[in-house]
N, C-alpha and C. Protein backbone atom coordinates (compact mmCIF):
# COMPACT_ATOMS: atom_id res chain seq x y z
N MET A 1 182.09 69.46 16.60
CA MET A 1 182.10 69.86 15.21
C MET A 1 180.65 70.03 14.74
N ARG A 2 180.38 71.13 14.14
CA ARG A 2 179.05 71.43 13.63
C ARG A 2 179.00 71.06 12.14
N LEU A 3 178.07 70.20 11.78
CA LEU A 3 178.02 69.69 10.42
C LEU A 3 176.89 70.27 9.58
N VAL A 4 175.76 70.55 10.19
CA VAL A 4 174.58 70.96 9.43
C VAL A 4 174.57 72.46 9.15
N ALA A 5 174.87 73.28 10.14
CA ALA A 5 174.73 74.74 10.01
C ALA A 5 175.42 75.31 8.77
N PRO A 6 176.63 74.91 8.42
CA PRO A 6 177.27 75.49 7.23
C PRO A 6 176.55 75.19 5.92
N LEU A 7 175.69 74.19 5.93
CA LEU A 7 174.98 73.80 4.71
C LEU A 7 173.68 74.57 4.51
N LEU A 8 173.25 75.32 5.52
CA LEU A 8 171.95 75.98 5.49
C LEU A 8 172.04 77.42 5.05
N PRO A 9 170.98 77.94 4.41
CA PRO A 9 170.97 79.37 4.08
C PRO A 9 170.87 80.18 5.37
N PRO A 10 171.26 81.46 5.32
CA PRO A 10 171.32 82.27 6.54
C PRO A 10 169.99 82.45 7.28
N GLU A 11 168.87 82.36 6.58
CA GLU A 11 167.58 82.54 7.25
C GLU A 11 167.09 81.27 7.95
N VAL A 12 167.83 80.18 7.83
CA VAL A 12 167.48 78.92 8.49
C VAL A 12 168.39 78.74 9.70
N HIS A 13 167.81 78.46 10.85
CA HIS A 13 168.58 78.29 12.07
C HIS A 13 168.48 76.86 12.56
N CYS A 14 169.56 76.38 13.14
CA CYS A 14 169.55 75.01 13.66
C CYS A 14 170.37 74.97 14.95
N CYS A 15 170.29 73.85 15.60
CA CYS A 15 171.06 73.60 16.82
C CYS A 15 171.56 72.17 16.73
N GLU A 16 172.84 71.99 16.96
CA GLU A 16 173.43 70.65 16.93
C GLU A 16 174.06 70.37 18.29
N ILE A 17 173.76 69.23 18.84
CA ILE A 17 174.37 68.82 20.10
C ILE A 17 174.84 67.38 19.97
N GLY A 18 175.74 67.03 20.86
CA GLY A 18 176.20 65.64 20.94
C GLY A 18 175.81 65.09 22.29
N HIS A 19 176.65 64.31 22.85
CA HIS A 19 176.36 63.69 24.14
C HIS A 19 176.69 64.61 25.31
N GLU A 20 177.13 65.83 25.02
CA GLU A 20 177.50 66.75 26.10
C GLU A 20 176.30 67.24 26.90
N LEU A 21 175.12 67.17 26.33
CA LEU A 21 173.92 67.64 27.00
C LEU A 21 173.27 66.46 27.73
N LYS A 22 173.26 66.52 29.04
CA LYS A 22 172.78 65.37 29.82
C LYS A 22 171.28 65.36 30.04
N SER A 23 170.72 66.40 30.60
CA SER A 23 169.28 66.38 30.86
C SER A 23 168.72 67.79 30.84
N PRO A 24 168.40 68.28 29.63
CA PRO A 24 167.79 69.61 29.56
C PRO A 24 166.43 69.61 30.22
N ARG A 25 166.04 70.74 30.74
CA ARG A 25 164.76 70.86 31.44
C ARG A 25 163.61 70.92 30.45
N LEU A 26 162.51 70.35 30.87
CA LEU A 26 161.28 70.38 30.09
C LEU A 26 160.25 71.26 30.79
N PHE A 27 159.36 71.83 30.01
CA PHE A 27 158.21 72.53 30.58
C PHE A 27 157.26 71.47 31.13
N PRO A 28 156.43 71.81 32.12
CA PRO A 28 155.50 70.83 32.68
C PRO A 28 154.62 70.15 31.62
N GLU A 29 154.19 70.90 30.61
CA GLU A 29 153.36 70.34 29.54
C GLU A 29 154.12 69.26 28.76
N GLU A 30 155.43 69.46 28.59
CA GLU A 30 156.26 68.49 27.89
C GLU A 30 156.55 67.29 28.79
N GLU A 31 156.83 67.57 30.05
CA GLU A 31 157.11 66.51 31.02
C GLU A 31 155.94 65.52 31.09
N ALA A 32 154.72 66.04 31.02
CA ALA A 32 153.53 65.19 31.09
C ALA A 32 153.47 64.19 29.92
N ILE A 33 154.07 64.53 28.81
CA ILE A 33 154.04 63.67 27.63
C ILE A 33 154.95 62.45 27.81
N VAL A 34 156.06 62.63 28.50
CA VAL A 34 157.03 61.53 28.63
C VAL A 34 157.10 60.98 30.06
N VAL A 35 156.10 61.25 30.88
CA VAL A 35 156.13 60.85 32.28
C VAL A 35 156.35 59.34 32.46
N GLY A 36 155.80 58.52 31.58
CA GLY A 36 155.96 57.07 31.73
C GLY A 36 157.00 56.46 30.81
N ALA A 37 157.75 57.28 30.11
CA ALA A 37 158.73 56.79 29.13
C ALA A 37 160.02 56.33 29.81
N VAL A 38 160.74 55.46 29.14
CA VAL A 38 162.05 55.03 29.64
C VAL A 38 163.02 56.20 29.55
N ASN A 39 164.08 56.14 30.31
CA ASN A 39 165.02 57.25 30.42
C ASN A 39 165.59 57.68 29.06
N GLY A 40 165.93 56.73 28.22
CA GLY A 40 166.49 57.08 26.92
C GLY A 40 165.53 57.90 26.07
N ARG A 41 164.28 57.52 26.09
CA ARG A 41 163.26 58.28 25.33
C ARG A 41 163.06 59.66 25.93
N ARG A 42 163.07 59.75 27.25
CA ARG A 42 162.94 61.06 27.91
C ARG A 42 164.09 61.97 27.52
N GLN A 43 165.31 61.44 27.50
CA GLN A 43 166.48 62.23 27.14
C GLN A 43 166.41 62.69 25.69
N GLN A 44 165.99 61.80 24.81
CA GLN A 44 165.85 62.14 23.39
C GLN A 44 164.80 63.24 23.22
N PHE A 45 163.66 63.09 23.85
CA PHE A 45 162.58 64.06 23.77
C PHE A 45 163.07 65.43 24.28
N ALA A 46 163.76 65.44 25.40
CA ALA A 46 164.26 66.69 25.99
C ALA A 46 165.31 67.34 25.11
N ALA A 47 166.20 66.54 24.51
CA ALA A 47 167.24 67.09 23.65
C ALA A 47 166.65 67.75 22.41
N VAL A 48 165.64 67.12 21.84
CA VAL A 48 164.99 67.70 20.67
C VAL A 48 164.33 69.03 21.03
N ARG A 49 163.66 69.08 22.17
CA ARG A 49 163.02 70.33 22.59
C ARG A 49 164.07 71.41 22.88
N TYR A 50 165.17 71.02 23.49
CA TYR A 50 166.27 71.96 23.77
C TYR A 50 166.77 72.57 22.45
N CYS A 51 167.05 71.73 21.47
CA CYS A 51 167.55 72.23 20.18
C CYS A 51 166.52 73.14 19.51
N ALA A 52 165.27 72.74 19.54
CA ALA A 52 164.23 73.57 18.92
C ALA A 52 164.17 74.93 19.60
N ARG A 53 164.23 74.95 20.93
CA ARG A 53 164.17 76.24 21.65
C ARG A 53 165.40 77.10 21.35
N MET A 54 166.56 76.47 21.23
CA MET A 54 167.78 77.24 20.90
C MET A 54 167.63 77.88 19.51
N ALA A 55 167.20 77.12 18.53
CA ALA A 55 167.05 77.65 17.17
C ALA A 55 165.96 78.73 17.13
N LEU A 56 164.83 78.48 17.79
CA LEU A 56 163.76 79.48 17.83
C LEU A 56 164.22 80.75 18.54
N GLY A 57 164.99 80.60 19.59
CA GLY A 57 165.50 81.75 20.33
C GLY A 57 166.38 82.64 19.48
N ARG A 58 167.13 82.06 18.56
CA ARG A 58 167.98 82.84 17.66
C ARG A 58 167.16 83.70 16.71
N MET A 59 165.88 83.36 16.59
CA MET A 59 164.99 84.14 15.73
C MET A 59 164.04 85.01 16.55
N GLY A 60 164.32 85.15 17.84
CA GLY A 60 163.54 86.04 18.68
C GLY A 60 162.34 85.43 19.37
N CYS A 61 162.17 84.14 19.28
CA CYS A 61 161.03 83.48 19.92
C CYS A 61 161.37 83.18 21.38
N PRO A 62 160.53 83.58 22.32
CA PRO A 62 160.81 83.28 23.72
C PRO A 62 160.63 81.78 24.01
N PRO A 63 161.29 81.26 25.04
CA PRO A 63 161.13 79.84 25.38
C PRO A 63 159.67 79.51 25.69
N MET A 64 159.20 78.41 25.15
CA MET A 64 157.83 77.95 25.38
C MET A 64 157.77 76.46 25.15
N PRO A 65 156.73 75.81 25.68
CA PRO A 65 156.58 74.37 25.45
C PRO A 65 156.39 74.05 23.97
N ILE A 66 156.98 72.95 23.55
CA ILE A 66 156.80 72.44 22.19
C ILE A 66 156.22 71.04 22.35
N VAL A 67 154.92 70.95 22.16
CA VAL A 67 154.22 69.68 22.39
C VAL A 67 153.79 69.08 21.05
N PRO A 68 153.59 67.77 21.01
CA PRO A 68 153.13 67.14 19.78
C PRO A 68 151.67 67.47 19.49
N GLY A 69 151.36 67.60 18.21
CA GLY A 69 149.98 67.79 17.78
C GLY A 69 149.28 66.46 17.61
N PRO A 70 148.09 66.46 17.01
CA PRO A 70 147.30 65.24 16.86
C PRO A 70 148.00 64.14 16.06
N GLN A 71 148.85 64.52 15.13
CA GLN A 71 149.56 63.54 14.30
C GLN A 71 150.93 63.17 14.90
N GLY A 72 151.29 63.78 16.02
CA GLY A 72 152.56 63.49 16.68
C GLY A 72 153.69 64.44 16.33
N ALA A 73 153.51 65.28 15.31
CA ALA A 73 154.53 66.26 14.94
C ALA A 73 154.50 67.44 15.90
N PRO A 74 155.64 68.08 16.14
CA PRO A 74 155.65 69.23 17.05
C PRO A 74 154.75 70.37 16.55
N VAL A 75 154.11 71.03 17.49
CA VAL A 75 153.32 72.22 17.19
C VAL A 75 154.24 73.42 17.41
N TRP A 76 154.62 74.07 16.32
CA TRP A 76 155.54 75.20 16.40
C TRP A 76 154.80 76.47 16.75
N PRO A 77 155.50 77.43 17.35
CA PRO A 77 154.86 78.72 17.63
C PRO A 77 154.38 79.37 16.33
N PRO A 78 153.35 80.20 16.41
CA PRO A 78 152.86 80.88 15.20
C PRO A 78 153.97 81.63 14.48
N GLY A 79 154.03 81.47 13.18
CA GLY A 79 155.04 82.15 12.36
C GLY A 79 156.31 81.36 12.15
N PHE A 80 156.41 80.17 12.75
CA PHE A 80 157.62 79.35 12.64
C PHE A 80 157.27 77.97 12.08
N VAL A 81 158.22 77.38 11.38
CA VAL A 81 158.07 76.00 10.90
C VAL A 81 159.34 75.24 11.28
N GLY A 82 159.21 73.94 11.35
CA GLY A 82 160.37 73.13 11.73
C GLY A 82 160.43 71.85 10.95
C-alpha cells in the first residue's frame, strides 16, 4: 500500500518500499561510506539510496551515487532537491 504518493503534488516524486527489498546495490562511493557499519545500517543506507534513485529516475536523472555532504545530508544531483 502506498501512503505518501497520493498526498503529494504531481511535480513531487517519491518512492515507498517495505521489507520486500532485501539488498539494493550501492555504487562503490556509497559502499565506502558504510563499509564498517552493521548489517542493519547498511540495509537502511542502501534502501534510502534505492528510493532516491527511483524518484530521481522518474524525473529523468540517470543513476548516480548519492553520498553525504559535510553536514551528513545527501548531496543531490544539480537541479534536484530532496
